[in-house]
Amino acid sequence: MFTVAPASPDQLDDLAALLGQRQFFASKLAAQARALGVLLVGRLDGAAVGNVWVSFSPAPEAEVNEFLPGVPMLVHLEVLSVFRNRGLGTSLIRAAEDLVRARGHARISLGVGIDNPGARRLYERLGYAEWAHGTIATGYHWVGGDGVPRWFPETITMLVKSLTAGSGNPSPVR
């Protein structure tokens, strides 16, 4: 059985053992304790196999804050490769959307790398549409197995979805 629930601080060792990325999970659990977001974890028969960070804090990119102020953002959607193409990523996204909707937000956003057409197809199939403000040059820090943080540049396109019942999702989203 697949379940999705917010992570708790006592799950750090479990998440790091199964998914790696100890520093990422530690930072997100600390941010969650400060109400900056929610780390949702997908578990298959009790074992963590995926996650998504639902951010309620300002984005690091100025363009996102300018055109989508206060819109929650999905970050770092991940499903272990052996469990992909089974609907688990979709379940994580739906759980994130339910959480955002329950907190009173009418829209949700995410950034997808321009070199990741597979993920983009998934998001578009789920009702996300490209915004009208072009791509964004951004990146992320990643700590490798050697413990050294590195910066990885990335160009993303923002996708937005309306969470209001029956509203549809006009394209392009402004």
N, C-alpha and C. Protein backbone atom coordinates (compact mmCIF):
# COMPACT_ATOMS: atom_id res chain seq x y z
N MET A 1 0.84 -1.18 0.00
CA MET A 1 0.00 0.00 0.00
C MET A 1 0.89 1.24 0.00
N PHE A 2 0.50 2.25 -0.81
CA PHE A 2 1.24 3.50 -0.91
C PHE A 2 0.52 4.56 -0.10
N THR A 3 1.27 5.23 0.78
CA THR A 3 0.73 6.31 1.61
C THR A 3 1.62 7.54 1.48
N VAL A 4 1.02 8.71 1.71
CA VAL A 4 1.77 9.96 1.69
C VAL A 4 1.42 10.70 2.97
N ALA A 5 2.45 11.14 3.69
CA ALA A 5 2.24 11.87 4.95
C ALA A 5 3.44 12.79 5.19
N PRO A 6 3.22 13.85 5.98
CA PRO A 6 4.35 14.71 6.35
C PRO A 6 5.40 13.93 7.13
N ALA A 7 6.65 14.26 6.87
CA ALA A 7 7.76 13.64 7.61
C ALA A 7 7.83 14.24 8.99
N SER A 8 8.38 13.49 9.90
CA SER A 8 8.63 13.99 11.25
C SER A 8 10.13 13.93 11.51
N PRO A 9 10.63 14.77 12.44
CA PRO A 9 12.07 14.83 12.69
C PRO A 9 12.71 13.48 13.02
N ASP A 10 11.96 12.61 13.67
CA ASP A 10 12.53 11.31 14.04
C ASP A 10 12.71 10.38 12.84
N GLN A 11 12.28 10.80 11.66
CA GLN A 11 12.41 9.98 10.45
C GLN A 11 13.65 10.30 9.63
N LEU A 12 14.48 11.23 10.11
CA LEU A 12 15.65 11.65 9.33
C LEU A 12 16.55 10.47 8.98
N ASP A 13 16.89 9.64 9.94
CA ASP A 13 17.79 8.52 9.66
C ASP A 13 17.17 7.57 8.64
N ASP A 14 15.89 7.30 8.77
CA ASP A 14 15.18 6.42 7.84
C ASP A 14 15.19 7.00 6.43
N LEU A 15 14.88 8.29 6.31
CA LEU A 15 14.86 8.93 4.99
C LEU A 15 16.24 8.92 4.36
N ALA A 16 17.26 9.25 5.14
CA ALA A 16 18.62 9.29 4.62
C ALA A 16 19.09 7.89 4.22
N ALA A 17 18.72 6.87 4.98
CA ALA A 17 19.14 5.51 4.66
C ALA A 17 18.51 5.02 3.36
N LEU A 18 17.25 5.34 3.16
CA LEU A 18 16.55 4.84 1.98
C LEU A 18 16.69 5.72 0.75
N LEU A 19 16.76 7.04 0.95
CA LEU A 19 16.77 7.98 -0.17
C LEU A 19 18.09 8.74 -0.32
N GLY A 20 18.99 8.60 0.67
CA GLY A 20 20.23 9.39 0.64
C GLY A 20 19.94 10.83 1.02
N GLN A 21 20.82 11.75 0.64
CA GLN A 21 20.59 13.18 0.78
C GLN A 21 20.31 13.64 2.21
N ARG A 22 21.09 13.15 3.17
CA ARG A 22 20.87 13.50 4.58
C ARG A 22 20.78 15.01 4.79
N GLN A 23 21.69 15.77 4.19
CA GLN A 23 21.69 17.22 4.41
C GLN A 23 20.40 17.85 3.88
N PHE A 24 19.93 17.40 2.73
CA PHE A 24 18.68 17.93 2.17
C PHE A 24 17.52 17.68 3.14
N PHE A 25 17.38 16.45 3.59
CA PHE A 25 16.27 16.12 4.48
C PHE A 25 16.39 16.84 5.82
N ALA A 26 17.60 16.96 6.35
CA ALA A 26 17.79 17.68 7.61
C ALA A 26 17.37 19.14 7.46
N SER A 27 17.76 19.77 6.34
CA SER A 27 17.41 21.18 6.14
C SER A 27 15.91 21.35 5.95
N LYS A 28 15.26 20.43 5.25
CA LYS A 28 13.82 20.55 5.03
C LYS A 28 13.04 20.27 6.31
N LEU A 29 13.49 19.33 7.10
CA LEU A 29 12.82 19.08 8.39
C LEU A 29 12.97 20.29 9.32
N ALA A 30 14.13 20.94 9.29
CA ALA A 30 14.33 22.15 10.11
C ALA A 30 13.43 23.27 9.61
N ALA A 31 13.32 23.42 8.28
CA ALA A 31 12.43 24.45 7.72
C ALA A 31 10.97 24.13 8.02
N GLN A 32 10.62 22.86 7.99
CA GLN A 32 9.25 22.46 8.33
C GLN A 32 8.93 22.83 9.77
N ALA A 33 9.88 22.68 10.67
CA ALA A 33 9.67 23.05 12.08
C ALA A 33 9.43 24.55 12.23
N ARG A 34 9.90 25.34 11.26
CA ARG A 34 9.69 26.80 11.28
C ARG A 34 8.49 27.19 10.41
N ALA A 35 7.69 26.21 9.99
CA ALA A 35 6.47 26.42 9.19
C ALA A 35 6.75 27.05 7.83
N LEU A 36 7.91 26.76 7.25
CA LEU A 36 8.25 27.29 5.93
C LEU A 36 7.83 26.35 4.81
N GLY A 37 7.39 25.17 5.17
CA GLY A 37 6.97 24.20 4.19
C GLY A 37 6.66 22.87 4.85
N VAL A 38 6.32 21.89 4.01
CA VAL A 38 6.01 20.55 4.50
C VAL A 38 6.74 19.55 3.61
N LEU A 39 7.46 18.65 4.24
CA LEU A 39 8.13 17.56 3.53
C LEU A 39 7.18 16.37 3.53
N LEU A 40 6.62 16.08 2.36
CA LEU A 40 5.74 14.93 2.22
C LEU A 40 6.57 13.74 1.77
N VAL A 41 6.33 12.60 2.41
CA VAL A 41 7.07 11.38 2.10
C VAL A 41 6.09 10.32 1.64
N GLY A 42 6.41 9.71 0.50
CA GLY A 42 5.62 8.60 0.00
C GLY A 42 6.25 7.30 0.46
N ARG A 43 5.41 6.44 1.02
CA ARG A 43 5.90 5.15 1.53
C ARG A 43 5.13 4.02 0.87
N LEU A 44 5.87 3.03 0.42
CA LEU A 44 5.28 1.83 -0.15
C LEU A 44 5.51 0.70 0.85
N ASP A 45 4.42 0.18 1.39
CA ASP A 45 4.50 -0.85 2.43
C ASP A 45 5.42 -0.42 3.57
N GLY A 46 5.35 0.87 3.93
CA GLY A 46 6.10 1.40 5.05
C GLY A 46 7.49 1.94 4.74
N ALA A 47 8.05 1.63 3.57
CA ALA A 47 9.39 2.09 3.21
C ALA A 47 9.31 3.36 2.37
N ALA A 48 10.12 4.35 2.72
CA ALA A 48 10.15 5.61 1.97
C ALA A 48 10.68 5.35 0.56
N VAL A 49 9.89 5.76 -0.44
CA VAL A 49 10.29 5.58 -1.84
C VAL A 49 10.20 6.87 -2.64
N GLY A 50 9.73 7.95 -2.01
CA GLY A 50 9.63 9.22 -2.70
C GLY A 50 9.31 10.35 -1.76
N ASN A 51 9.45 11.57 -2.27
CA ASN A 51 9.17 12.75 -1.44
C ASN A 51 8.95 13.96 -2.33
N VAL A 52 8.37 14.97 -1.73
CA VAL A 52 8.26 16.28 -2.36
C VAL A 52 8.24 17.32 -1.25
N TRP A 53 8.95 18.42 -1.47
CA TRP A 53 8.94 19.55 -0.54
C TRP A 53 7.89 20.53 -1.04
N VAL A 54 6.96 20.88 -0.17
CA VAL A 54 5.93 21.87 -0.47
C VAL A 54 6.36 23.15 0.25
N SER A 55 6.84 24.11 -0.52
CA SER A 55 7.38 25.34 0.05
C SER A 55 6.30 26.41 0.18
N PHE A 56 6.21 26.97 1.38
CA PHE A 56 5.31 28.10 1.64
C PHE A 56 6.10 29.38 1.87
N SER A 57 7.40 29.34 1.60
CA SER A 57 8.24 30.52 1.79
C SER A 57 8.57 31.14 0.43
N PRO A 58 9.07 32.38 0.41
CA PRO A 58 9.42 33.01 -0.86
C PRO A 58 10.43 32.16 -1.63
N ALA A 59 10.32 32.20 -2.94
CA ALA A 59 11.24 31.46 -3.80
C ALA A 59 12.60 32.14 -3.83
N PRO A 60 13.66 31.40 -4.11
CA PRO A 60 14.97 32.04 -4.23
C PRO A 60 15.12 32.87 -5.50
N GLU A 61 14.23 32.68 -6.46
CA GLU A 61 14.30 33.41 -7.73
C GLU A 61 13.38 34.64 -7.67
N ALA A 62 13.95 35.81 -7.94
CA ALA A 62 13.20 37.06 -7.89
C ALA A 62 12.00 37.06 -8.83
N GLU A 63 12.17 36.46 -10.02
CA GLU A 63 11.08 36.45 -11.00
C GLU A 63 9.86 35.71 -10.47
N VAL A 64 10.09 34.62 -9.76
CA VAL A 64 8.98 33.85 -9.21
C VAL A 64 8.24 34.70 -8.17
N ASN A 65 8.97 35.36 -7.31
CA ASN A 65 8.33 36.20 -6.29
C ASN A 65 7.60 37.39 -6.90
N GLU A 66 8.11 37.90 -8.01
CA GLU A 66 7.45 39.03 -8.68
C GLU A 66 6.12 38.62 -9.30
N PHE A 67 6.12 37.50 -10.02
CA PHE A 67 4.94 37.10 -10.79
C PHE A 67 4.03 36.10 -10.07
N LEU A 68 4.53 35.44 -9.04
CA LEU A 68 3.73 34.46 -8.28
C LEU A 68 3.89 34.69 -6.78
N PRO A 69 3.67 35.91 -6.31
CA PRO A 69 3.87 36.18 -4.88
C PRO A 69 2.91 35.36 -4.03
N GLY A 70 3.47 34.71 -3.03
CA GLY A 70 2.65 33.94 -2.09
C GLY A 70 2.11 32.62 -2.61
N VAL A 71 2.49 32.24 -3.83
CA VAL A 71 2.01 30.97 -4.39
C VAL A 71 2.94 29.85 -3.93
N PRO A 72 2.41 28.85 -3.24
CA PRO A 72 3.26 27.73 -2.80
C PRO A 72 3.89 27.02 -4.00
N MET A 73 5.05 26.42 -3.74
CA MET A 73 5.81 25.79 -4.81
C MET A 73 6.21 24.37 -4.44
N LEU A 74 6.05 23.47 -5.39
CA LEU A 74 6.56 22.11 -5.24
C LEU A 74 8.03 22.11 -5.63
N VAL A 75 8.85 21.50 -4.79
CA VAL A 75 10.28 21.46 -5.03
C VAL A 75 10.77 20.03 -4.78
N HIS A 76 11.66 19.58 -5.61
CA HIS A 76 12.36 18.30 -5.38
C HIS A 76 11.40 17.11 -5.31
N LEU A 77 10.55 16.98 -6.30
CA LEU A 77 9.73 15.78 -6.40
C LEU A 77 10.65 14.64 -6.80
N GLU A 78 10.60 13.58 -6.04
CA GLU A 78 11.50 12.46 -6.29
C GLU A 78 10.80 11.15 -5.97
N VAL A 79 10.94 10.18 -6.88
CA VAL A 79 10.53 8.81 -6.64
C VAL A 79 11.72 7.95 -7.03
N LEU A 80 12.10 7.01 -6.19
CA LEU A 80 13.21 6.12 -6.52
C LEU A 80 12.98 5.48 -7.88
N SER A 81 14.04 5.39 -8.66
CA SER A 81 13.90 4.96 -10.07
C SER A 81 13.20 3.61 -10.23
N VAL A 82 13.42 2.68 -9.34
CA VAL A 82 12.78 1.36 -9.49
C VAL A 82 11.28 1.40 -9.25
N PHE A 83 10.78 2.51 -8.71
CA PHE A 83 9.34 2.64 -8.43
C PHE A 83 8.65 3.66 -9.32
N ARG A 84 9.34 4.16 -10.34
CA ARG A 84 8.74 5.14 -11.24
C ARG A 84 7.76 4.47 -12.20
N ASN A 85 6.91 5.30 -12.79
CA ASN A 85 5.91 4.86 -13.77
C ASN A 85 4.87 3.93 -13.15
N ARG A 86 4.57 4.16 -11.87
CA ARG A 86 3.53 3.39 -11.18
C ARG A 86 2.47 4.30 -10.57
N GLY A 87 2.55 5.61 -10.88
CA GLY A 87 1.59 6.56 -10.33
C GLY A 87 1.97 7.13 -8.97
N LEU A 88 3.14 6.79 -8.47
CA LEU A 88 3.53 7.27 -7.14
C LEU A 88 3.85 8.76 -7.15
N GLY A 89 4.51 9.24 -8.21
CA GLY A 89 4.77 10.67 -8.33
C GLY A 89 3.47 11.46 -8.41
N THR A 90 2.52 10.93 -9.17
CA THR A 90 1.21 11.57 -9.26
C THR A 90 0.54 11.62 -7.90
N SER A 91 0.64 10.55 -7.13
CA SER A 91 0.06 10.54 -5.79
C SER A 91 0.72 11.56 -4.88
N LEU A 92 2.03 11.71 -4.98
CA LEU A 92 2.73 12.73 -4.19
C LEU A 92 2.26 14.12 -4.58
N ILE A 93 2.12 14.38 -5.88
CA ILE A 93 1.66 15.69 -6.35
C ILE A 93 0.24 15.96 -5.87
N ARG A 94 -0.64 14.99 -5.99
CA ARG A 94 -2.03 15.16 -5.55
C ARG A 94 -2.10 15.45 -4.05
N ALA A 95 -1.28 14.76 -3.26
CA ALA A 95 -1.25 15.01 -1.82
C ALA A 95 -0.76 16.43 -1.53
N ALA A 96 0.24 16.88 -2.28
CA ALA A 96 0.75 18.25 -2.12
C ALA A 96 -0.33 19.26 -2.48
N GLU A 97 -1.04 19.01 -3.58
CA GLU A 97 -2.12 19.92 -3.98
C GLU A 97 -3.22 19.97 -2.92
N ASP A 98 -3.57 18.83 -2.36
CA ASP A 98 -4.59 18.80 -1.30
C ASP A 98 -4.14 19.61 -0.10
N LEU A 99 -2.86 19.49 0.27
CA LEU A 99 -2.32 20.24 1.40
C LEU A 99 -2.39 21.74 1.14
N VAL A 100 -1.98 22.14 -0.05
CA VAL A 100 -1.98 23.57 -0.41
C VAL A 100 -3.41 24.11 -0.45
N ARG A 101 -4.31 23.34 -1.03
CA ARG A 101 -5.72 23.74 -1.09
C ARG A 101 -6.30 23.86 0.33
N ALA A 102 -5.99 22.91 1.20
CA ALA A 102 -6.50 22.93 2.57
C ALA A 102 -6.00 24.15 3.35
N ARG A 103 -4.86 24.69 2.93
CA ARG A 103 -4.32 25.88 3.59
C ARG A 103 -4.84 27.17 2.95
N GLY A 104 -5.80 27.04 2.03
CA GLY A 104 -6.47 28.20 1.48
C GLY A 104 -5.86 28.83 0.25
N HIS A 105 -4.94 28.15 -0.39
CA HIS A 105 -4.31 28.70 -1.59
C HIS A 105 -5.08 28.27 -2.83
N ALA A 106 -5.16 29.17 -3.81
CA ALA A 106 -5.90 28.89 -5.04
C ALA A 106 -5.01 28.42 -6.18
N ARG A 107 -3.68 28.56 -6.03
CA ARG A 107 -2.76 28.13 -7.07
C ARG A 107 -1.55 27.46 -6.45
N ILE A 108 -0.86 26.69 -7.28
CA ILE A 108 0.38 26.03 -6.89
C ILE A 108 1.33 26.11 -8.07
N SER A 109 2.63 26.12 -7.81
CA SER A 109 3.60 26.26 -8.89
C SER A 109 4.73 25.26 -8.71
N LEU A 110 5.51 25.13 -9.77
CA LEU A 110 6.73 24.32 -9.71
C LEU A 110 7.62 24.74 -10.86
N GLY A 111 8.90 24.50 -10.71
CA GLY A 111 9.85 24.75 -11.77
C GLY A 111 10.31 23.42 -12.32
N VAL A 112 10.40 23.32 -13.63
CA VAL A 112 10.88 22.08 -14.25
C VAL A 112 12.02 22.43 -15.19
N GLY A 113 13.09 21.65 -15.10
CA GLY A 113 14.25 21.88 -15.95
C GLY A 113 13.90 21.75 -17.42
N ILE A 114 14.44 22.64 -18.23
CA ILE A 114 14.14 22.58 -19.66
C ILE A 114 14.68 21.30 -20.29
N ASP A 115 15.58 20.62 -19.59
CA ASP A 115 16.15 19.37 -20.09
C ASP A 115 15.45 18.15 -19.49
N ASN A 116 14.23 18.34 -18.97
CA ASN A 116 13.49 17.25 -18.35
C ASN A 116 12.08 17.15 -18.94
N PRO A 117 11.98 16.81 -20.23
CA PRO A 117 10.66 16.78 -20.88
C PRO A 117 9.72 15.72 -20.29
N GLY A 118 10.26 14.63 -19.76
CA GLY A 118 9.41 13.61 -19.16
C GLY A 118 8.64 14.14 -17.97
N ALA A 119 9.33 14.86 -17.09
CA ALA A 119 8.67 15.45 -15.93
C ALA A 119 7.65 16.49 -16.39
N ARG A 120 8.03 17.29 -17.37
CA ARG A 120 7.10 18.32 -17.85
C ARG A 120 5.81 17.69 -18.39
N ARG A 121 5.94 16.59 -19.12
CA ARG A 121 4.74 15.91 -19.63
C ARG A 121 3.85 15.45 -18.48
N LEU A 122 4.44 14.93 -17.41
CA LEU A 122 3.66 14.52 -16.24
C LEU A 122 2.91 15.71 -15.66
N TYR A 123 3.60 16.81 -15.44
CA TYR A 123 2.96 17.99 -14.84
C TYR A 123 1.85 18.53 -15.74
N GLU A 124 2.09 18.59 -17.03
CA GLU A 124 1.06 19.09 -17.94
C GLU A 124 -0.15 18.15 -17.96
N ARG A 125 0.09 16.85 -17.89
CA ARG A 125 -1.01 15.88 -17.83
C ARG A 125 -1.85 16.09 -16.57
N LEU A 126 -1.21 16.61 -15.51
CA LEU A 126 -1.90 16.86 -14.24
C LEU A 126 -2.50 18.26 -14.16
N GLY A 127 -2.45 19.01 -15.27
CA GLY A 127 -3.12 20.32 -15.31
C GLY A 127 -2.24 21.53 -15.11
N TYR A 128 -0.93 21.35 -15.07
CA TYR A 128 -0.02 22.49 -14.92
C TYR A 128 0.22 23.11 -16.30
N ALA A 129 0.33 24.44 -16.33
CA ALA A 129 0.55 25.15 -17.58
C ALA A 129 1.71 26.13 -17.42
N GLU A 130 2.42 26.34 -18.51
CA GLU A 130 3.58 27.23 -18.49
C GLU A 130 3.14 28.67 -18.26
N TRP A 131 3.88 29.37 -17.42
CA TRP A 131 3.60 30.78 -17.23
C TRP A 131 4.12 31.57 -18.43
N ALA A 132 3.76 32.84 -18.51
CA ALA A 132 4.07 33.66 -19.69
C ALA A 132 5.33 34.50 -19.55
N HIS A 133 6.22 34.12 -18.63
CA HIS A 133 7.36 34.98 -18.34
C HIS A 133 8.71 34.38 -18.69
N GLY A 134 8.72 33.37 -19.55
CA GLY A 134 9.98 32.80 -20.02
C GLY A 134 10.67 31.89 -19.02
N THR A 135 11.90 31.53 -19.37
CA THR A 135 12.68 30.63 -18.52
C THR A 135 13.44 31.42 -17.46
N ILE A 136 13.94 30.70 -16.48
CA ILE A 136 14.69 31.30 -15.38
C ILE A 136 16.01 30.56 -15.25
N ALA A 137 17.11 31.31 -15.19
CA ALA A 137 18.41 30.73 -14.90
C ALA A 137 18.53 30.64 -13.39
N THR A 138 18.67 29.44 -12.88
CA THR A 138 18.76 29.22 -11.44
C THR A 138 19.72 28.07 -11.20
N GLY A 139 19.56 27.36 -10.15
CA GLY A 139 20.40 26.21 -9.84
C GLY A 139 20.12 25.72 -8.44
N TYR A 140 20.90 24.78 -8.01
CA TYR A 140 20.71 24.21 -6.69
C TYR A 140 22.04 23.72 -6.14
N HIS A 141 22.11 23.70 -4.81
CA HIS A 141 23.29 23.16 -4.13
C HIS A 141 23.04 21.68 -3.88
N TRP A 142 24.07 20.90 -4.06
CA TRP A 142 23.97 19.47 -3.82
C TRP A 142 25.25 19.03 -3.13
N VAL A 143 25.09 18.24 -2.08
CA VAL A 143 26.23 17.72 -1.35
C VAL A 143 26.50 16.31 -1.85
N GLY A 144 27.65 16.11 -2.42
CA GLY A 144 28.01 14.81 -2.95
C GLY A 144 28.41 13.83 -1.85
N GLY A 145 28.70 12.62 -2.25
CA GLY A 145 29.11 11.59 -1.31
C GLY A 145 30.38 11.96 -0.55
N ASP A 146 31.15 12.89 -1.10
CA ASP A 146 32.37 13.34 -0.42
C ASP A 146 32.11 14.43 0.60
N GLY A 147 30.83 14.84 0.74
CA GLY A 147 30.47 15.86 1.72
C GLY A 147 30.70 17.29 1.26
N VAL A 148 31.14 17.47 0.02
CA VAL A 148 31.44 18.80 -0.50
C VAL A 148 30.21 19.35 -1.22
N PRO A 149 29.71 20.52 -0.78
CA PRO A 149 28.57 21.12 -1.49
C PRO A 149 29.02 21.70 -2.82
N ARG A 150 28.20 21.48 -3.83
CA ARG A 150 28.48 22.01 -5.15
C ARG A 150 27.23 22.70 -5.69
N TRP A 151 27.47 23.69 -6.56
CA TRP A 151 26.38 24.43 -7.20
C TRP A 151 26.17 23.84 -8.59
N PHE A 152 24.92 23.52 -8.90
CA PHE A 152 24.57 22.99 -10.20
C PHE A 152 23.61 23.98 -10.88
N PRO A 153 24.08 24.68 -11.92
CA PRO A 153 23.19 25.62 -12.62
C PRO A 153 22.12 24.86 -13.40
N GLU A 154 20.97 25.50 -13.53
CA GLU A 154 19.85 24.88 -14.22
C GLU A 154 18.97 25.98 -14.81
N THR A 155 18.40 25.72 -15.96
CA THR A 155 17.41 26.62 -16.55
C THR A 155 16.06 25.94 -16.42
N ILE A 156 15.11 26.67 -15.84
CA ILE A 156 13.79 26.09 -15.58
C ILE A 156 12.69 26.90 -16.25
N THR A 157 11.57 26.23 -16.43
CA THR A 157 10.33 26.88 -16.83
C THR A 157 9.37 26.72 -15.67
N MET A 158 8.67 27.77 -15.31
CA MET A 158 7.68 27.69 -14.24
C MET A 158 6.36 27.19 -14.81
N LEU A 159 5.76 26.27 -14.10
CA LEU A 159 4.43 25.77 -14.42
C LEU A 159 3.52 26.08 -13.25
N VAL A 160 2.27 26.42 -13.54
CA VAL A 160 1.32 26.84 -12.52
C VAL A 160 0.01 26.09 -12.74
N LYS A 161 -0.66 25.79 -11.63
CA LYS A 161 -1.95 25.12 -11.71
C LYS A 161 -2.93 25.84 -10.79
N SER A 162 -4.14 26.05 -11.30
CA SER A 162 -5.21 26.58 -10.48
C SER A 162 -5.80 25.42 -9.68
N LEU A 163 -6.04 25.65 -8.40
CA LEU A 163 -6.61 24.62 -7.53
C LEU A 163 -8.08 24.87 -7.25
N THR A 164 -8.64 25.86 -7.94
CA THR A 164 -10.04 26.20 -7.75
C THR A 164 -10.90 25.26 -8.59
N ALA A 165 -11.90 24.65 -7.98
CA ALA A 165 -12.74 23.69 -8.67
C ALA A 165 -13.39 24.31 -9.90
N GLY A 166 -13.29 23.61 -11.02
CA GLY A 166 -13.96 24.03 -12.24
C GLY A 166 -13.37 25.24 -12.93
N SER A 167 -12.23 25.74 -12.45
CA SER A 167 -11.68 26.96 -13.03
C SER A 167 -10.91 26.70 -14.31
N GLY A 168 -10.50 25.48 -14.52
CA GLY A 168 -9.64 25.21 -15.66
C GLY A 168 -8.28 25.83 -15.40
N ASN A 169 -7.41 25.76 -16.35
CA ASN A 169 -6.08 26.35 -16.20
C ASN A 169 -5.68 26.98 -17.50
N PRO A 170 -5.96 28.29 -17.67
CA PRO A 170 -5.65 28.92 -18.94
C PRO A 170 -4.16 28.87 -19.23
N SER A 171 -3.84 28.83 -20.51
CA SER A 171 -2.45 28.81 -20.92
C SER A 171 -2.26 29.94 -21.92
N PRO A 172 -1.25 30.74 -21.81
CA PRO A 172 -0.24 30.70 -20.78
C PRO A 172 -0.73 31.32 -19.47
N VAL A 173 -0.18 30.84 -18.38
CA VAL A 173 -0.55 31.35 -17.07
C VAL A 173 0.23 32.63 -16.82
N ARG A 174 -0.44 33.64 -16.33
CA ARG A 174 0.22 34.93 -16.05
C ARG A 174 0.43 35.11 -14.58
